[in-house]
């Protein structure tokens, strides 16, 4: 079954808390952008959210050039 807002709604939002989404650029290098938030779904799953270039909040995992989520490290940005 596919989750929809009716079957698995967002019940809370948490800060991005130092997590980053990493993307592969056309030249092969990578760039990291901070997550804006984590959405908590009714079933307990978390969905990362960052801000797209169009200004909309979206799940970075759907981008064609998404590489990975990078967790916070002690002492600052990865």
N, C-alpha and C. Protein backbone atom coordinates (compact mmCIF):
# COMPACT_ATOMS: atom_id res chain seq x y z
N UNK A 1 0.84 -1.18 0.00
CA UNK A 1 0.00 0.00 0.00
C UNK A 1 0.89 1.25 0.00
N UNK A 2 0.53 2.24 -0.77
CA UNK A 2 1.25 3.51 -0.84
C UNK A 2 0.74 4.44 0.25
N UNK A 3 1.68 5.04 0.98
CA UNK A 3 1.30 6.00 2.02
C UNK A 3 0.76 7.27 1.39
N UNK A 4 -0.30 7.78 1.95
CA UNK A 4 -0.87 9.06 1.55
C UNK A 4 -1.09 9.87 2.82
N UNK A 5 -1.36 11.17 2.71
CA UNK A 5 -1.65 11.95 3.91
C UNK A 5 -2.83 11.40 4.71
N UNK A 6 -3.73 10.70 4.04
CA UNK A 6 -4.88 10.13 4.75
C UNK A 6 -4.53 8.84 5.49
N UNK A 7 -3.63 8.02 4.91
CA UNK A 7 -3.30 6.74 5.52
C UNK A 7 -2.11 6.81 6.47
N UNK A 8 -1.23 7.78 6.29
CA UNK A 8 -0.05 7.92 7.15
C UNK A 8 0.31 9.40 7.28
N UNK A 9 -0.52 10.15 7.99
CA UNK A 9 -0.31 11.61 8.05
C UNK A 9 0.93 11.99 8.87
N UNK A 10 1.39 13.22 8.62
CA UNK A 10 2.45 13.81 9.43
C UNK A 10 1.83 14.20 10.77
N UNK A 11 2.44 13.75 11.86
CA UNK A 11 1.91 14.05 13.19
C UNK A 11 2.81 15.00 13.99
N UNK A 12 4.05 15.20 13.51
CA UNK A 12 4.97 16.11 14.20
C UNK A 12 6.09 16.49 13.24
N UNK A 13 6.81 17.55 13.60
CA UNK A 13 7.99 17.97 12.85
C UNK A 13 9.09 18.29 13.85
N UNK A 14 10.29 17.85 13.52
CA UNK A 14 11.45 18.08 14.38
C UNK A 14 12.49 18.87 13.60
N UNK A 15 13.34 19.64 14.28
CA UNK A 15 14.38 20.38 13.57
C UNK A 15 15.36 19.44 12.86
N UNK A 16 16.00 19.93 11.81
CA UNK A 16 16.97 19.14 11.06
C UNK A 16 18.16 18.69 11.90
N UNK A 17 18.45 19.41 12.95
CA UNK A 17 19.43 19.03 13.99
C UNK A 17 20.82 18.67 13.45
N UNK A 18 21.31 19.43 12.48
CA UNK A 18 22.67 19.24 12.02
C UNK A 18 22.86 18.19 10.93
N UNK A 19 21.78 17.58 10.47
CA UNK A 19 21.86 16.60 9.38
C UNK A 19 21.95 17.33 8.05
N UNK A 20 22.57 16.68 7.06
CA UNK A 20 22.72 17.24 5.72
C UNK A 20 22.27 16.24 4.67
N UNK A 21 21.79 16.77 3.56
CA UNK A 21 21.53 15.95 2.37
C UNK A 21 22.69 16.22 1.42
N UNK A 22 23.25 15.16 0.87
CA UNK A 22 24.38 15.30 -0.04
C UNK A 22 23.93 14.98 -1.46
N UNK A 23 24.34 15.83 -2.40
CA UNK A 23 23.97 15.68 -3.80
C UNK A 23 25.24 15.60 -4.65
N UNK A 24 25.15 14.88 -5.76
CA UNK A 24 26.25 14.81 -6.72
C UNK A 24 25.99 15.87 -7.80
N UNK A 25 26.95 16.75 -7.99
CA UNK A 25 26.83 17.82 -8.97
C UNK A 25 27.24 17.31 -10.36
N UNK A 26 26.87 18.03 -11.42
CA UNK A 26 27.19 17.58 -12.78
C UNK A 26 28.68 17.30 -13.03
N UNK A 27 29.56 18.01 -12.31
CA UNK A 27 31.00 17.79 -12.51
C UNK A 27 31.55 16.62 -11.69
N UNK A 28 30.66 15.93 -10.96
CA UNK A 28 31.07 14.77 -10.18
C UNK A 28 31.41 15.07 -8.73
N UNK A 29 31.52 16.34 -8.38
CA UNK A 29 31.77 16.69 -6.98
C UNK A 29 30.46 16.59 -6.21
N UNK A 30 30.55 16.71 -4.90
CA UNK A 30 29.34 16.65 -4.07
C UNK A 30 29.14 17.97 -3.33
N UNK A 31 27.90 18.22 -2.98
CA UNK A 31 27.55 19.42 -2.21
C UNK A 31 26.56 18.99 -1.14
N UNK A 32 26.72 19.52 0.07
CA UNK A 32 25.81 19.20 1.16
C UNK A 32 24.96 20.41 1.51
N UNK A 33 23.68 20.15 1.76
CA UNK A 33 22.74 21.18 2.18
C UNK A 33 22.07 20.73 3.47
N UNK A 34 21.90 21.64 4.44
CA UNK A 34 21.31 21.25 5.72
C UNK A 34 19.85 20.85 5.57
N UNK A 35 19.44 19.86 6.36
CA UNK A 35 18.02 19.51 6.42
C UNK A 35 17.31 20.59 7.22
N UNK A 36 16.14 20.95 6.77
CA UNK A 36 15.33 21.93 7.49
C UNK A 36 14.58 21.27 8.63
N UNK A 37 14.16 20.02 8.41
CA UNK A 37 13.33 19.34 9.41
C UNK A 37 13.27 17.84 9.14
N UNK A 38 12.73 17.14 10.11
CA UNK A 38 12.33 15.74 9.97
C UNK A 38 10.83 15.69 10.22
N UNK A 39 10.09 15.12 9.31
CA UNK A 39 8.66 14.92 9.52
C UNK A 39 8.45 13.56 10.15
N UNK A 40 7.59 13.51 11.16
CA UNK A 40 7.27 12.26 11.84
C UNK A 40 5.90 11.82 11.35
N UNK A 41 5.83 10.63 10.77
CA UNK A 41 4.58 10.08 10.25
C UNK A 41 3.86 9.31 11.35
N UNK A 42 2.57 9.08 11.18
CA UNK A 42 1.75 8.38 12.16
C UNK A 42 2.29 7.00 12.49
N UNK A 43 2.94 6.35 11.52
CA UNK A 43 3.48 5.01 11.77
C UNK A 43 4.85 5.04 12.43
N UNK A 44 5.37 6.24 12.76
CA UNK A 44 6.65 6.37 13.44
C UNK A 44 7.84 6.57 12.53
N UNK A 45 7.65 6.51 11.22
CA UNK A 45 8.76 6.73 10.31
C UNK A 45 9.11 8.22 10.23
N UNK A 46 10.37 8.49 9.91
CA UNK A 46 10.84 9.87 9.76
C UNK A 46 11.12 10.15 8.30
N UNK A 47 10.79 11.35 7.87
CA UNK A 47 11.02 11.77 6.49
C UNK A 47 11.87 13.03 6.50
N UNK A 48 13.08 13.00 5.91
CA UNK A 48 13.91 14.19 5.89
C UNK A 48 13.32 15.25 4.95
N UNK A 49 13.55 16.50 5.29
CA UNK A 49 13.05 17.61 4.47
C UNK A 49 14.14 18.65 4.32
N UNK A 50 14.40 19.05 3.07
CA UNK A 50 15.27 20.18 2.83
C UNK A 50 14.56 21.16 1.92
N UNK A 51 15.18 22.28 1.67
CA UNK A 51 14.57 23.29 0.81
C UNK A 51 15.14 23.16 -0.59
N UNK A 52 14.28 22.93 -1.56
CA UNK A 52 14.71 22.84 -2.95
C UNK A 52 15.04 24.21 -3.51
N UNK A 53 15.66 24.21 -4.67
CA UNK A 53 16.01 25.48 -5.32
C UNK A 53 14.78 26.30 -5.65
N UNK A 54 13.63 25.63 -5.77
CA UNK A 54 12.39 26.33 -6.08
C UNK A 54 11.73 26.92 -4.84
N UNK A 55 12.35 26.71 -3.65
CA UNK A 55 11.83 27.26 -2.41
C UNK A 55 10.83 26.37 -1.71
N UNK A 56 10.56 25.20 -2.26
CA UNK A 56 9.61 24.28 -1.64
C UNK A 56 10.35 23.30 -0.75
N UNK A 57 9.72 22.94 0.36
CA UNK A 57 10.26 21.90 1.23
C UNK A 57 9.95 20.55 0.60
N UNK A 58 10.98 19.68 0.54
CA UNK A 58 10.78 18.39 -0.11
C UNK A 58 11.72 17.34 0.47
N UNK A 59 11.37 16.09 0.24
CA UNK A 59 12.21 14.97 0.66
C UNK A 59 13.37 14.88 -0.33
N UNK A 60 14.61 15.06 0.13
CA UNK A 60 15.74 15.06 -0.80
C UNK A 60 15.97 13.71 -1.48
N UNK A 61 15.49 12.63 -0.89
CA UNK A 61 15.73 11.30 -1.45
C UNK A 61 15.09 11.11 -2.81
N UNK A 62 14.16 12.01 -3.19
CA UNK A 62 13.50 11.91 -4.48
C UNK A 62 14.25 12.61 -5.61
N UNK A 63 15.30 13.35 -5.28
CA UNK A 63 16.06 14.07 -6.31
C UNK A 63 16.93 13.11 -7.11
N UNK A 64 17.03 13.35 -8.40
CA UNK A 64 17.81 12.46 -9.27
C UNK A 64 19.29 12.40 -8.89
N UNK A 65 19.82 13.46 -8.29
CA UNK A 65 21.24 13.49 -7.93
C UNK A 65 21.49 13.33 -6.44
N UNK A 66 20.48 12.87 -5.69
CA UNK A 66 20.66 12.63 -4.25
C UNK A 66 21.67 11.51 -4.04
N UNK A 67 22.61 11.73 -3.11
CA UNK A 67 23.63 10.71 -2.83
C UNK A 67 23.38 10.02 -1.49
N UNK A 68 23.18 10.84 -0.43
CA UNK A 68 23.02 10.24 0.90
C UNK A 68 22.62 11.30 1.92
N UNK A 69 22.21 10.82 3.10
CA UNK A 69 22.01 11.68 4.25
C UNK A 69 23.27 11.60 5.09
N UNK A 70 23.73 12.74 5.59
CA UNK A 70 24.95 12.80 6.38
C UNK A 70 24.58 13.20 7.80
N UNK A 71 24.94 12.34 8.74
CA UNK A 71 24.62 12.62 10.13
C UNK A 71 25.56 13.63 10.75
N UNK A 72 25.10 14.31 11.80
CA UNK A 72 25.97 15.30 12.46
C UNK A 72 27.21 14.64 13.04
N UNK A 73 28.28 15.40 13.05
CA UNK A 73 29.51 14.93 13.68
C UNK A 73 29.88 15.88 14.80
N UNK A 74 30.51 15.35 15.81
CA UNK A 74 30.98 16.19 16.92
C UNK A 74 31.97 17.21 16.35
N UNK A 75 31.78 18.46 16.72
CA UNK A 75 32.71 19.49 16.29
C UNK A 75 32.31 20.26 15.05
N UNK A 76 31.13 19.98 14.48
CA UNK A 76 30.69 20.80 13.36
C UNK A 76 30.34 20.05 12.12
N UNK A 77 30.26 20.79 11.04
CA UNK A 77 29.83 20.30 9.73
C UNK A 77 30.76 19.21 9.21
N UNK A 78 30.19 18.17 8.56
CA UNK A 78 31.02 17.09 8.03
C UNK A 78 31.95 17.56 6.93
